[in-house]
Amino acid sequence: MTPIKNIFDPAVVQELIARIESLTPTTQPVWGTMHVAQMLAHCNVTYEMVYENKHPRPNVLMRFILTKFIKPAVVGDKPYPKSSRTAPAFVIKTDKIFADEKARLLGYLNTTAAHGPSFFEGKESLSFGKLTSAEWNAMFYKHLDHHLRQFGA
């Protein structure tokens, strides 16, 4: 198992940017059913939950379930399995504009790196409660890496 890279490291950010830049509006998935623009929009949801007030907080019961059963897979060391299920907020059913979603993702990635790990230490997640910066890193990097690999990037 490859260690999770540090999304707060400028070299890792540049690697991720290069991978995102390698995508085109016609890049096809290696697995799954999303189009590339939908995948970028899907990846943006993680950052929307941090930087925008557009997603509702799950109710107490759902947060308990998410924290006890889903959080370990999201912030743990294991990569996500191909075609794994996703939360409803992450399901992108409509067509998206590739250039817009790509620009948003690059912006979120740069903003996250600029904030650095201290900004995220103990920061509250909508779904999982307070996370360490290492847990935020794992969540951010694993999710983005998973979907870039899905599109061969």
Protein backbone atom coordinates (compact mmCIF):
# COMPACT_ATOMS: atom_id res chain seq x y z
CA MET A 1 0.00 0.00 0.00
CA THR A 2 1.38 3.40 -1.02
CA PRO A 3 1.47 6.01 1.75
CA ILE A 4 -0.97 8.89 1.43
CA LYS A 5 0.74 11.94 0.01
CA ASN A 6 0.58 15.28 1.82
CA ILE A 7 -1.85 17.62 0.08
CA PHE A 8 -0.28 20.51 1.98
CA ASP A 9 3.13 19.87 0.35
CA PRO A 10 3.69 22.23 -2.62
CA ALA A 11 5.31 19.44 -4.68
CA VAL A 12 2.25 17.21 -4.18
CA VAL A 13 -0.06 20.08 -5.08
CA GLN A 14 1.90 20.64 -8.30
CA GLU A 15 1.68 16.92 -9.09
CA LEU A 16 -2.10 16.99 -8.58
CA ILE A 17 -2.41 20.14 -10.70
CA ALA A 18 -0.45 18.45 -13.51
CA ARG A 19 -2.74 15.42 -13.30
CA ILE A 20 -5.84 17.65 -13.44
CA GLU A 21 -4.34 19.63 -16.33
CA SER A 22 -3.82 16.37 -18.25
CA LEU A 23 -7.60 15.87 -18.41
CA THR A 24 -9.60 17.06 -21.40
CA PRO A 25 -13.36 17.41 -21.92
CA THR A 26 -13.27 14.08 -23.81
CA THR A 27 -11.18 12.06 -21.32
CA GLN A 28 -12.96 8.75 -20.75
CA PRO A 29 -13.15 6.90 -17.42
CA VAL A 30 -11.22 3.68 -16.85
CA TRP A 31 -14.16 2.59 -14.67
CA GLY A 32 -17.48 4.06 -13.56
CA THR A 33 -20.17 6.03 -15.35
CA MET A 34 -19.38 9.69 -14.68
CA HIS A 35 -18.22 11.96 -17.47
CA VAL A 36 -15.01 13.87 -16.75
CA ALA A 37 -16.82 17.17 -16.01
CA GLN A 38 -19.14 15.36 -13.61
CA MET A 39 -16.12 13.82 -11.88
CA LEU A 40 -14.56 17.24 -11.40
CA ALA A 41 -17.86 18.55 -10.00
CA HIS A 42 -18.02 15.49 -7.74
CA CYS A 43 -14.50 16.21 -6.43
CA ASN A 44 -15.48 19.83 -5.81
CA VAL A 45 -18.17 18.75 -3.33
CA THR A 46 -15.52 17.82 -0.73
CA TYR A 47 -14.19 21.38 -0.88
CA GLU A 48 -17.65 22.97 -1.04
CA MET A 49 -18.35 21.34 2.32
CA VAL A 50 -15.35 23.18 3.76
CA TYR A 51 -15.52 26.55 2.03
CA GLU A 52 -19.16 27.12 1.10
CA ASN A 53 -22.42 26.99 3.00
CA LYS A 54 -24.39 25.05 0.41
CA HIS A 55 -24.64 21.54 1.87
CA PRO A 56 -26.81 20.75 4.90
CA ARG A 57 -25.30 19.14 7.97
CA PRO A 58 -26.52 15.54 8.39
CA ASN A 59 -28.90 14.94 11.29
CA VAL A 60 -27.60 13.51 14.57
CA LEU A 61 -28.38 9.88 13.73
CA MET A 62 -26.78 10.12 10.29
CA ARG A 63 -23.68 11.84 11.74
CA PHE A 64 -23.36 9.02 14.27
CA ILE A 65 -23.53 6.42 11.48
CA LEU A 66 -21.10 8.38 9.30
CA THR A 67 -18.63 8.87 12.15
CA LYS A 68 -18.68 5.25 13.33
CA PHE A 69 -18.88 3.38 10.05
CA ILE A 70 -17.86 5.60 7.13
CA LYS A 71 -15.21 7.89 8.62
CA PRO A 72 -12.60 5.12 9.12
CA ALA A 73 -12.69 4.29 5.40
CA VAL A 74 -12.62 7.94 4.37
CA VAL A 75 -9.70 9.03 6.55
CA GLY A 76 -7.87 5.70 6.83
CA ASP A 77 -4.86 4.46 4.89
CA LYS A 78 -6.61 2.12 2.43
CA PRO A 79 -7.41 3.45 -1.06
CA TYR A 80 -11.06 3.58 -2.07
CA PRO A 81 -12.30 0.57 -4.05
CA LYS A 82 -13.31 1.15 -7.66
CA SER A 83 -16.98 2.00 -8.20
CA SER A 84 -17.66 2.34 -4.47
CA ARG A 85 -20.90 3.97 -3.34
CA THR A 86 -21.03 7.66 -2.55
CA ALA A 87 -23.13 9.95 -0.39
CA PRO A 88 -26.13 11.61 -2.07
CA ALA A 89 -24.53 15.08 -1.94
CA PHE A 90 -21.71 13.77 -4.13
CA VAL A 91 -23.96 12.32 -6.85
CA ILE A 92 -23.73 14.55 -9.93
CA LYS A 93 -26.59 13.77 -12.29
CA THR A 94 -26.54 16.84 -14.54
CA ASP A 95 -24.08 17.79 -17.23
CA LYS A 96 -21.34 20.16 -16.10
CA ILE A 97 -19.02 22.53 -17.92
CA PHE A 98 -15.54 21.00 -17.90
CA ALA A 99 -13.58 24.28 -17.83
CA ASP A 100 -15.67 25.68 -14.97
CA GLU A 101 -15.38 22.57 -12.81
CA LYS A 102 -11.67 22.25 -13.52
CA ALA A 103 -11.06 25.90 -12.57
CA ARG A 104 -13.06 25.47 -9.35
CA LEU A 105 -11.12 22.35 -8.39
CA LEU A 106 -7.76 24.00 -9.05
CA GLY A 107 -8.87 26.98 -6.97
CA TYR A 108 -9.97 24.80 -4.06
CA LEU A 109 -6.74 22.81 -4.23
CA ASN A 110 -4.62 25.96 -4.13
CA THR A 111 -6.71 27.48 -1.32
CA THR A 112 -6.40 24.32 0.75
CA ALA A 113 -2.64 24.20 0.27
CA ALA A 114 -2.32 27.90 1.13
CA HIS A 115 -4.25 27.40 4.38
CA GLY A 116 -1.91 24.59 5.37
CA PRO A 117 -2.36 21.88 7.98
CA SER A 118 -2.72 24.22 10.96
CA PHE A 119 -5.95 25.64 9.49
CA PHE A 120 -7.45 22.14 9.40
CA GLU A 121 -6.22 20.85 12.78
CA GLY A 122 -9.40 20.24 14.80
CA LYS A 123 -11.58 21.78 12.09
CA GLU A 124 -15.15 20.51 12.07
CA SER A 125 -16.29 18.37 9.13
CA LEU A 126 -19.98 18.50 8.22
CA SER A 127 -20.18 14.72 8.26
CA PHE A 128 -17.49 13.49 10.66
CA GLY A 129 -17.10 16.10 13.41
CA LYS A 130 -13.66 17.44 14.32
CA LEU A 131 -10.80 15.99 12.29
CA THR A 132 -7.05 16.22 12.63
CA SER A 133 -5.08 17.79 9.81
CA ALA A 134 -3.83 14.26 8.97
CA GLU A 135 -7.43 13.08 8.61
CA TRP A 136 -8.31 16.08 6.42
CA ASN A 137 -5.23 15.34 4.32
CA ALA A 138 -6.23 11.69 3.90
CA MET A 139 -9.78 12.65 2.95
CA PHE A 140 -8.70 15.31 0.44
CA TYR A 141 -5.85 13.36 -1.15
CA LYS A 142 -7.45 9.90 -1.29
CA HIS A 143 -10.64 11.20 -2.88
CA LEU A 144 -8.92 13.29 -5.51
CA ASP A 145 -6.31 10.61 -6.28
CA HIS A 146 -9.05 7.96 -6.59
CA HIS A 147 -10.94 9.95 -9.21
CA LEU A 148 -7.86 11.08 -11.12
CA ARG A 149 -6.86 7.40 -11.38
CA GLN A 150 -10.43 6.68 -12.50
CA PHE A 151 -9.72 8.92 -15.51
CA GLY A 152 -6.18 7.69 -16.09
CA ALA A 153 -4.55 10.85 -14.75
